């Protein structure tokens, strides 16, 4: 990753989020905030990451209490303990996030003042506290919007009840909107999500509002040795084309429909490897029971994920529900890095990108999924063209080494602009 020397002064930078401190979680160094923190620290800046002491991924405590720690990349961690939670969408998760945000509010004034704050949403309550601190201490705040909280909490309700659910969340929505309205800059992971965020802030896009896609790292030139559990799945797939899903088995991106596609394609020369964990894992395991063309190797570390993607022929990004929201699944960037033709159910920006670049196909429903998969399985020339186009698209737009260098440049720019505005106010 590009860690070019900073052009300006050494900065004190805070990253705040109510999720866990990912640089300390094995296999999680390539998540968005971890990559940004790593680039900023490598440039010589003093980076402090305010985060939860609770692991969202493992649903366990990373630290038993409020803790200050350091990563091997020089990032200082301020981990704050909330109450923990067992379900991703739950009142207890909201309570946990609120407590972490309040601890940040109480402890932040006792720290050296930063030059800029980059705060992630969700949770919007931490965003609100970061913006409150910024206004009080003349510090520019950037909000990195990654999801449409709290609106998405109404999505699991029946359609007729969703308006009532959103109305019940009005107080939470007001907190979110105030935080966005007070930010100097809003950044996000897609154009559609950025449009939503600046709309919630009650304004148009400014020159400091930017899109930084999550991206992915380039694939190694050759695959590593797979772990025993992945090797077993690959052995069962020997001689067949591998159709892959790699991600969280959640409400939006559940691979449950892929299991049904596998059932219909039992006589075809394909094998489905669905890698990951999440709330929908039990349902996927139950549906896949007895299918000899499906393997569930669980959550894969970075090395195993690279092996799987390099051995696969097609990458699928399925949508079980909620795909009408502006959502750009992270898995797509990994598929592009590996040169996999992409089969996706996500409309809007995702569909436009994959179809305009010629890197994959959009589908709708089970019949459409099976039809697209069979067409690609039968047409090796099309798969080869999509693979080459995908690698080009990745190198031009979605290589994390370039994305996070640009993101770090923007953080430095916002800090410098904030400092200049502060000097102008002081001189007036």
Protein backbone atom coordinates (compact mmCIF):
# COMPACT_ATOMS: atom_id res chain seq x y z
CA UNK A 1 0.00 0.00 0.00
CA UNK A 2 1.18 3.50 -0.83
CA UNK A 3 2.65 5.11 2.27
CA UNK A 4 4.33 8.03 0.51
CA UNK A 5 5.92 10.65 2.77
CA UNK A 6 3.52 13.34 3.92
CA UNK A 7 3.70 16.61 2.07
CA UNK A 8 2.63 18.70 5.06
CA UNK A 9 3.17 18.74 8.82
CA UNK A 10 2.83 15.77 11.13
CA UNK A 11 -0.81 15.57 12.17
CA UNK A 12 -2.69 14.22 15.15
CA UNK A 13 -5.59 12.25 13.68
CA UNK A 14 -8.47 10.54 15.45
CA UNK A 15 -10.51 7.75 13.92
CA UNK A 16 -13.71 7.06 15.84
CA UNK A 17 -16.19 4.25 15.44
CA UNK A 18 -18.37 2.16 17.70
CA UNK A 19 -17.11 -1.04 16.09
CA UNK A 20 -14.12 -2.96 17.35
CA UNK A 21 -10.46 -1.92 16.85
CA UNK A 22 -9.87 -4.03 13.76
CA UNK A 23 -6.06 -3.70 13.63
CA UNK A 24 -5.99 -5.94 16.69
CA UNK A 25 -8.31 -8.59 15.24
CA UNK A 26 -6.51 -11.44 13.40
CA UNK A 27 -7.25 -11.40 9.69
CA UNK A 28 -9.00 -8.02 9.81
CA UNK A 29 -6.18 -5.68 8.84
CA UNK A 30 -7.65 -5.11 5.41
CA UNK A 31 -10.96 -3.66 6.52
CA UNK A 32 -11.65 -0.05 5.59
CA UNK A 33 -10.71 1.85 8.75
CA UNK A 34 -7.74 -0.44 9.40
CA UNK A 35 -6.30 0.27 5.96
CA UNK A 36 -6.80 4.03 6.33
CA UNK A 37 -5.22 4.00 9.80
CA UNK A 38 -2.26 2.02 8.51
CA UNK A 39 -1.56 4.43 5.65
CA UNK A 40 -1.84 7.49 7.88
CA UNK A 41 0.46 5.99 10.51
CA UNK A 42 2.97 4.95 7.84
CA UNK A 43 3.12 8.58 6.71
CA UNK A 44 4.28 9.55 10.19
CA UNK A 45 1.03 10.94 11.60
CA UNK A 46 -0.05 10.32 15.20
CA UNK A 47 -3.16 8.16 14.80
CA UNK A 48 -5.54 7.32 17.63
CA UNK A 49 -8.40 4.90 16.97
CA UNK A 50 -11.32 5.26 19.37
CA UNK A 51 -13.35 2.06 19.23
CA UNK A 52 -15.37 -0.48 21.17
CA UNK A 53 -13.75 -3.06 23.45
CA UNK A 54 -16.33 -5.54 22.09
CA UNK A 55 -15.76 -7.67 18.99
CA UNK A 56 -18.68 -7.32 16.61
CA UNK A 57 -17.45 -10.28 14.55
CA UNK A 58 -16.79 -12.71 17.40
CA UNK A 59 -19.50 -11.37 19.75
CA UNK A 60 -16.92 -11.43 22.55
CA UNK A 61 -14.79 -8.93 24.43
CA UNK A 62 -11.50 -7.96 22.81
CA UNK A 63 -10.66 -6.15 26.06
CA UNK A 64 -12.34 -6.73 29.45
CA UNK A 65 -12.37 -3.00 30.28
CA UNK A 66 -11.47 0.42 28.91
CA UNK A 67 -7.97 -0.06 27.52
CA UNK A 68 -5.21 1.84 25.74
CA UNK A 69 -3.12 -0.31 23.41
CA UNK A 70 -0.85 -0.02 20.37
CA UNK A 71 -0.73 -1.89 17.10
CA UNK A 72 2.47 -2.99 15.41
CA UNK A 73 1.82 -0.31 12.76
CA UNK A 74 1.97 2.47 15.35
CA UNK A 75 -1.77 3.11 15.71
CA UNK A 76 -2.88 3.94 19.26
CA UNK A 77 -6.08 2.18 20.31
CA UNK A 78 -8.50 3.67 22.84
CA UNK A 79 -10.92 0.77 23.39
CA UNK A 80 -14.09 1.65 25.34
CA UNK A 81 -16.30 -0.96 26.99
CA UNK A 82 -20.05 -0.93 26.45
CA UNK A 83 -22.45 -3.77 27.32
CA UNK A 84 -21.95 -6.14 24.35
CA UNK A 85 -24.69 -7.80 22.33
CA UNK A 86 -25.54 -11.10 20.66
CA UNK A 87 -27.61 -9.98 17.66
CA UNK A 88 -26.63 -7.42 15.03
CA UNK A 89 -30.04 -5.76 14.91
CA UNK A 90 -31.13 -5.39 18.52
CA UNK A 91 -31.83 -2.73 21.17
CA UNK A 92 -28.81 -3.98 23.12
CA UNK A 93 -26.51 -3.14 20.21
CA UNK A 94 -27.91 0.40 20.17
CA UNK A 95 -27.32 0.64 23.92
CA UNK A 96 -23.76 -0.61 23.52
CA UNK A 97 -23.02 1.96 20.84
CA UNK A 98 -24.55 4.77 22.90
CA UNK A 99 -22.48 3.92 25.95
CA UNK A 100 -19.27 3.80 23.90
CA UNK A 101 -20.13 7.19 22.37
CA UNK A 102 -20.75 8.71 25.80
CA UNK A 103 -17.45 7.40 27.08
CA UNK A 104 -15.77 9.05 24.11
CA UNK A 105 -17.55 12.32 24.98
CA UNK A 106 -16.30 12.13 28.58
CA UNK A 107 -12.71 11.09 27.83
CA UNK A 108 -11.89 12.98 24.61
CA UNK A 109 -11.46 16.42 26.25
CA UNK A 110 -8.60 15.02 28.35
CA UNK A 111 -6.59 14.03 25.25
CA UNK A 112 -4.34 16.29 23.14
CA UNK A 113 -6.49 18.09 20.57
CA UNK A 114 -6.41 16.42 17.13
CA UNK A 115 -6.01 18.20 13.79
CA UNK A 116 -8.86 16.24 12.17
CA UNK A 117 -11.36 13.52 13.12
CA UNK A 118 -12.60 10.79 10.78
CA UNK A 119 -15.71 9.23 12.31
CA UNK A 120 -17.53 6.21 10.89
CA UNK A 121 -21.28 5.65 10.60
CA UNK A 122 -22.79 3.43 11.89
CA UNK A 123 -23.08 4.31 14.83
CA UNK A 124 -24.50 7.70 14.37
CA UNK A 125 -24.32 8.52 18.10
CA UNK A 126 -20.51 8.40 17.95
CA UNK A 127 -20.73 10.62 14.86
CA UNK A 128 -22.80 13.08 16.88
CA UNK A 129 -20.28 13.15 19.71
CA UNK A 130 -17.33 13.55 17.32
CA UNK A 131 -19.05 16.48 15.60
CA UNK A 132 -19.94 18.02 18.97
CA UNK A 133 -16.27 17.80 20.00
CA UNK A 134 -15.16 19.22 16.65
CA UNK A 135 -17.37 22.29 16.95
CA UNK A 136 -16.30 22.88 20.56
CA UNK A 137 -12.58 22.58 19.83
CA UNK A 138 -12.41 23.95 16.26
CA UNK A 139 -11.49 20.57 14.74
CA UNK A 140 -12.75 19.58 11.25
CA UNK A 141 -14.73 16.34 11.23
CA UNK A 142 -15.15 13.93 8.32
CA UNK A 143 -17.98 11.38 8.45
CA UNK A 144 -17.42 8.10 6.60
CA UNK A 145 -20.90 6.74 5.86
CA UNK A 146 -21.04 2.97 5.41
CA UNK A 147 -24.70 2.15 5.99
CA UNK A 148 -28.12 3.79 6.23
CA UNK A 149 -28.54 3.68 9.99
CA UNK A 150 -31.00 3.88 11.67
CA UNK A 151 -33.35 3.45 8.68
CA UNK A 152 -32.32 -0.15 8.07
CA UNK A 153 -33.72 -1.23 11.43
CA UNK A 154 -37.20 -0.98 9.93
CA UNK A 155 -36.33 -3.23 6.95
CA UNK A 156 -37.09 -6.59 8.65
CA UNK A 157 -40.67 -5.45 9.37
CA UNK A 158 -43.52 -6.35 6.98
CA UNK A 159 -43.84 -3.68 4.27
CA UNK A 160 -47.04 -2.25 5.75
CA UNK A 161 -45.35 -1.76 9.13
CA UNK A 162 -42.10 -0.23 7.86
CA UNK A 163 -43.44 3.37 7.88
CA UNK A 164 -44.43 2.90 11.52
CA UNK A 165 -40.99 1.48 12.29
CA UNK A 166 -39.27 4.46 10.71
CA UNK A 167 -41.57 6.83 12.61
CA UNK A 168 -40.63 5.11 15.86
CA UNK A 169 -36.96 5.72 15.01
CA UNK A 170 -37.46 9.46 14.52
CA UNK A 171 -35.43 10.42 17.58
CA UNK A 172 -32.51 8.27 16.38
CA UNK A 173 -32.82 9.66 12.86
CA UNK A 174 -32.60 13.20 14.22
CA UNK A 175 -29.31 12.36 15.97
CA UNK A 176 -27.96 10.95 12.69
CA UNK A 177 -29.01 13.98 10.65
CA UNK A 178 -27.52 16.47 13.12
CA UNK A 179 -24.22 14.63 13.02
CA UNK A 180 -24.09 14.64 9.23
CA UNK A 181 -25.15 18.30 9.04
CA UNK A 182 -22.29 19.30 11.34
CA UNK A 183 -19.54 17.55 9.40
CA UNK A 184 -17.04 19.49 7.32
CA UNK A 185 -16.87 16.62 4.80
CA UNK A 186 -18.86 13.46 4.13
CA UNK A 187 -17.24 10.50 2.41
CA UNK A 188 -18.74 7.16 1.55
CA UNK A 189 -18.27 3.83 -0.20
CA UNK A 190 -20.47 4.49 -3.24
CA UNK A 191 -22.06 7.37 -5.12
CA UNK A 192 -25.59 6.37 -4.18
CA UNK A 193 -24.76 6.14 -0.49
CA UNK A 194 -23.00 9.52 -0.58
CA UNK A 195 -26.06 11.08 -2.24
CA UNK A 196 -28.24 9.67 0.54
CA UNK A 197 -25.89 10.97 3.24
CA UNK A 198 -25.63 14.56 1.96
CA UNK A 199 -29.41 14.52 1.54
CA UNK A 200 -29.79 13.56 5.19
CA UNK A 201 -27.43 16.45 6.01
CA UNK A 202 -29.83 18.79 4.21
CA UNK A 203 -27.42 20.07 1.59
CA UNK A 204 -25.86 19.38 -1.80
CA UNK A 205 -22.48 17.74 -2.36
CA UNK A 206 -19.46 19.95 -1.68
CA UNK A 207 -15.97 19.66 -3.14
CA UNK A 208 -14.87 17.90 0.07
CA UNK A 209 -17.54 15.18 -0.20
CA UNK A 210 -15.92 12.20 -1.87
CA UNK A 211 -16.43 8.53 -2.71
CA UNK A 212 -13.72 6.08 -1.69
CA UNK A 213 -14.74 2.56 -2.63
CA UNK A 214 -13.71 -0.15 -0.15
CA UNK A 215 -11.54 -1.80 -2.78
CA UNK A 216 -9.39 -4.86 -2.27
CA UNK A 217 -5.76 -5.84 -2.33
CA UNK A 218 -4.21 -7.29 -5.45
CA UNK A 219 -4.13 -11.07 -5.57
CA UNK A 220 -0.81 -12.89 -5.20
CA UNK A 221 0.68 -14.31 -8.38
CA UNK A 222 0.23 -17.85 -7.05
CA UNK A 223 -2.02 -19.42 -4.46
CA UNK A 224 -0.79 -20.43 -1.01
CA UNK A 225 -1.32 -23.86 0.52
CA UNK A 226 -4.96 -24.12 1.68
CA UNK A 227 -5.96 -25.05 5.20
CA UNK A 228 -7.31 -28.54 5.80
CA UNK A 229 -10.96 -27.47 5.79
CA UNK A 230 -10.63 -25.53 2.54
CA UNK A 231 -8.54 -28.28 0.95
CA UNK A 232 -11.37 -30.73 1.67
CA UNK A 233 -13.86 -28.51 -0.17
CA UNK A 234 -11.49 -28.03 -3.10
CA UNK A 235 -10.89 -31.77 -3.34
CA UNK A 236 -14.64 -32.40 -3.52
CA UNK A 237 -14.83 -29.83 -6.32
CA UNK A 238 -12.03 -31.43 -8.37
CA UNK A 239 -12.80 -31.52 -12.09
CA UNK A 240 -15.73 -29.09 -11.82
CA UNK A 241 -16.09 -25.32 -12.17
CA UNK A 242 -16.24 -23.63 -8.78
CA UNK A 243 -18.96 -21.07 -8.15
CA UNK A 244 -18.07 -19.03 -5.08
CA UNK A 245 -19.68 -16.85 -2.48
CA UNK A 246 -17.37 -15.35 0.17
CA UNK A 247 -18.81 -13.02 2.78
CA UNK A 248 -21.21 -12.61 5.67
CA UNK A 249 -24.30 -14.81 5.74
CA UNK A 250 -26.52 -11.87 6.66
CA UNK A 251 -29.98 -10.55 6.00
CA UNK A 252 -29.03 -8.77 2.77
CA UNK A 253 -26.29 -10.95 1.27
CA UNK A 254 -27.42 -14.40 2.40
CA UNK A 255 -26.29 -17.17 0.01
CA UNK A 256 -29.49 -19.12 0.69
CA UNK A 257 -30.63 -18.66 -2.91
CA UNK A 258 -27.33 -20.13 -4.10
CA UNK A 259 -28.13 -23.35 -2.26
CA UNK A 260 -31.38 -23.58 -4.18
CA UNK A 261 -29.48 -22.90 -7.42
CA UNK A 262 -27.07 -25.70 -6.51
CA UNK A 263 -30.01 -28.04 -5.99
CA UNK A 264 -31.26 -27.31 -9.51
CA UNK A 265 -27.75 -27.68 -10.97
CA UNK A 266 -26.83 -31.02 -9.35
CA UNK A 267 -26.34 -32.61 -12.75
CA UNK A 268 -24.16 -29.79 -14.06
CA UNK A 269 -20.37 -29.76 -13.93
CA UNK A 270 -20.21 -27.21 -11.10
CA UNK A 271 -19.48 -27.09 -7.38
CA UNK A 272 -20.60 -24.34 -5.02
CA UNK A 273 -18.29 -23.19 -2.21
CA UNK A 274 -20.03 -20.78 0.15
CA UNK A 275 -17.50 -19.36 2.59
CA UNK A 276 -18.40 -17.26 5.60
CA UNK A 277 -20.42 -17.02 8.78
CA UNK A 278 -23.32 -14.94 10.05
CA UNK A 279 -26.88 -14.97 11.31
CA UNK A 280 -28.13 -16.94 8.27
CA UNK A 281 -25.56 -19.73 8.59
CA UNK A 282 -27.93 -22.20 10.33
CA UNK A 283 -30.54 -21.74 7.60
CA UNK A 284 -27.92 -22.21 4.87
CA UNK A 285 -26.53 -25.33 6.57
CA UNK A 286 -30.03 -26.81 6.84
CA UNK A 287 -30.84 -26.07 3.21
CA UNK A 288 -27.51 -27.51 1.98
CA UNK A 289 -27.78 -30.76 3.94
CA UNK A 290 -27.45 -33.72 1.58
CA UNK A 291 -26.22 -31.72 -1.42
CA UNK A 292 -22.98 -33.17 -2.79
CA UNK A 293 -22.22 -30.06 -4.89
CA UNK A 294 -22.13 -27.58 -1.98
CA UNK A 295 -19.41 -26.99 0.63
CA UNK A 296 -19.46 -24.59 3.58
CA UNK A 297 -15.86 -24.19 4.77
CA UNK A 298 -16.72 -21.42 7.24
CA UNK A 299 -14.99 -18.07 7.64
CA UNK A 300 -11.69 -17.99 5.72
CA UNK A 301 -8.57 -16.09 6.66
CA UNK A 302 -6.87 -13.89 4.10
CA UNK A 303 -4.63 -16.66 2.77
CA UNK A 304 -7.46 -19.17 2.34
CA UNK A 305 -9.69 -16.57 0.74
CA UNK A 306 -7.02 -15.87 -1.85
CA UNK A 307 -6.67 -19.59 -2.57
CA UNK A 308 -10.42 -20.00 -3.01
CA UNK A 309 -10.85 -16.99 -5.31
CA UNK A 310 -7.91 -17.98 -7.49
CA UNK A 311 -9.34 -21.51 -7.86
CA UNK A 312 -12.88 -20.30 -8.63
CA UNK A 313 -14.51 -19.63 -11.99
CA UNK A 314 -17.46 -17.39 -11.02
CA UNK A 315 -18.11 -15.11 -8.02
CA UNK A 316 -21.70 -14.48 -6.92
CA UNK A 317 -23.08 -11.56 -4.93
CA UNK A 318 -26.63 -12.65 -4.03
CA UNK A 319 -29.31 -10.56 -2.38
CA UNK A 320 -31.99 -12.06 -0.17
CA UNK A 321 -33.64 -8.76 0.79
CA UNK A 322 -32.98 -5.05 1.08
CA UNK A 323 -31.14 -4.90 -2.25
CA UNK A 324 -33.01 -1.73 -3.18
CA UNK A 325 -30.80 0.21 -0.77
CA UNK A 326 -27.57 1.83 -2.06
CA UNK A 327 -25.29 -1.05 -1.22
CA UNK A 328 -21.99 -2.05 -2.84
CA UNK A 329 -20.89 -5.41 -1.36
CA UNK A 330 -17.21 -5.63 -0.44
CA UNK A 331 -16.94 -9.12 -1.91
CA UNK A 332 -17.26 -7.71 -5.43
CA UNK A 333 -13.86 -6.01 -5.16
CA UNK A 334 -12.21 -9.30 -4.16
CA UNK A 335 -13.86 -11.05 -7.09
CA UNK A 336 -12.52 -8.40 -9.47
CA UNK A 337 -9.02 -8.68 -8.00
CA UNK A 338 -9.09 -12.41 -8.74
CA UNK A 339 -10.49 -11.89 -12.24
CA UNK A 340 -13.78 -13.66 -11.51
CA UNK A 341 -16.84 -12.99 -13.67
CA UNK A 342 -19.43 -11.52 -11.29
CA UNK A 343 -23.05 -12.59 -11.02
CA UNK A 344 -24.92 -10.03 -8.91
CA UNK A 345 -28.48 -9.32 -7.82
CA UNK A 346 -27.79 -5.73 -6.73
CA UNK A 347 -29.43 -3.07 -8.92
CA UNK A 348 -28.38 0.54 -9.36
CA UNK A 349 -24.71 1.40 -9.07
CA UNK A 350 -23.48 -2.20 -8.79
CA UNK A 351 -25.40 -3.30 -11.87
CA UNK A 352 -24.22 -0.28 -13.82
CA UNK A 353 -20.56 -0.85 -12.95
CA UNK A 354 -20.46 -4.55 -13.80
CA UNK A 355 -22.46 -4.22 -17.02
CA UNK A 356 -20.72 -1.11 -18.37
CA UNK A 357 -17.29 -2.65 -17.72
CA UNK A 358 -18.35 -6.03 -19.11
CA UNK A 359 -17.24 -7.89 -15.97
CA UNK A 360 -20.39 -9.81 -15.11
CA UNK A 361 -24.14 -10.26 -15.27
CA UNK A 362 -27.13 -9.06 -13.28
CA UNK A 363 -29.90 -11.49 -12.32
CA UNK A 364 -33.28 -11.37 -10.62
CA UNK A 365 -34.80 -14.30 -8.76
CA UNK A 366 -33.88 -17.98 -8.65
CA UNK A 367 -34.77 -18.69 -12.27
CA UNK A 368 -32.64 -15.77 -13.42
CA UNK A 369 -29.72 -16.87 -11.25
CA UNK A 370 -29.72 -20.41 -12.62
CA UNK A 371 -30.06 -19.16 -16.19
CA UNK A 372 -27.09 -16.77 -15.87
CA UNK A 373 -24.90 -19.36 -14.15
CA UNK A 374 -25.60 -22.01 -16.78
CA UNK A 375 -24.89 -19.56 -19.57
CA UNK A 376 -21.51 -18.60 -18.10
CA UNK A 377 -20.59 -22.20 -17.29
CA UNK A 378 -21.20 -23.17 -20.91
CA UNK A 379 -19.33 -20.21 -22.43
CA UNK A 380 -15.64 -20.23 -21.56
CA UNK A 381 -14.85 -17.43 -24.02
CA UNK A 382 -17.26 -15.06 -22.27
CA UNK A 383 -15.80 -15.97 -18.88
CA UNK A 384 -12.31 -15.24 -20.20
CA UNK A 385 -13.35 -11.83 -21.58
CA UNK A 386 -15.06 -10.91 -18.31
CA UNK A 387 -12.04 -12.05 -16.33
CA UNK A 388 -9.66 -9.85 -18.33
CA UNK A 389 -12.05 -6.89 -18.10
CA UNK A 390 -12.41 -7.41 -14.35
CA UNK A 391 -8.67 -7.33 -13.76
CA UNK A 392 -8.42 -4.10 -15.78
CA UNK A 393 -11.27 -2.51 -13.85
CA UNK A 394 -9.70 -3.51 -10.55
CA UNK A 395 -6.30 -2.03 -11.41
CA UNK A 396 -7.86 1.20 -12.71
CA UNK A 397 -10.45 1.89 -9.98
CA UNK A 398 -10.56 -0.57 -7.11
CA UNK A 399 -7.01 -1.35 -6.01
CA UNK A 400 -6.87 -0.58 -2.27
CA UNK A 401 -3.26 0.59 -2.56
CA UNK A 402 -4.45 3.54 -4.64
CA UNK A 403 -7.81 4.10 -2.94
CA UNK A 404 -6.46 4.46 0.59
CA UNK A 405 -3.53 6.59 -0.49
CA UNK A 406 -6.07 8.97 -2.06
CA UNK A 407 -8.24 8.74 1.07
CA UNK A 408 -5.25 9.63 3.27
CA UNK A 409 -4.46 12.56 0.94
CA UNK A 410 -8.02 13.80 1.45
CA UNK A 411 -7.77 13.53 5.25
CA UNK A 412 -4.61 15.64 5.10
CA UNK A 413 -6.36 18.13 2.81
CA UNK A 414 -9.37 18.51 5.15
CA UNK A 415 -7.04 18.96 8.14
CA UNK A 416 -5.10 21.69 6.29
CA UNK A 417 -8.30 23.44 5.18
CA UNK A 418 -9.62 23.33 8.73
CA UNK A 419 -6.41 24.82 10.09
CA UNK A 420 -6.48 27.60 7.48
CA UNK A 421 -10.11 28.41 8.31
CA UNK A 422 -9.23 28.49 12.01
CA UNK A 423 -6.39 30.96 11.38
CA UNK A 424 -8.69 33.13 9.30
CA UNK A 425 -11.29 33.22 12.09
CA UNK A 426 -8.63 34.06 14.66
CA UNK A 427 -7.36 36.94 12.52
CA UNK A 428 -10.75 38.44 11.78
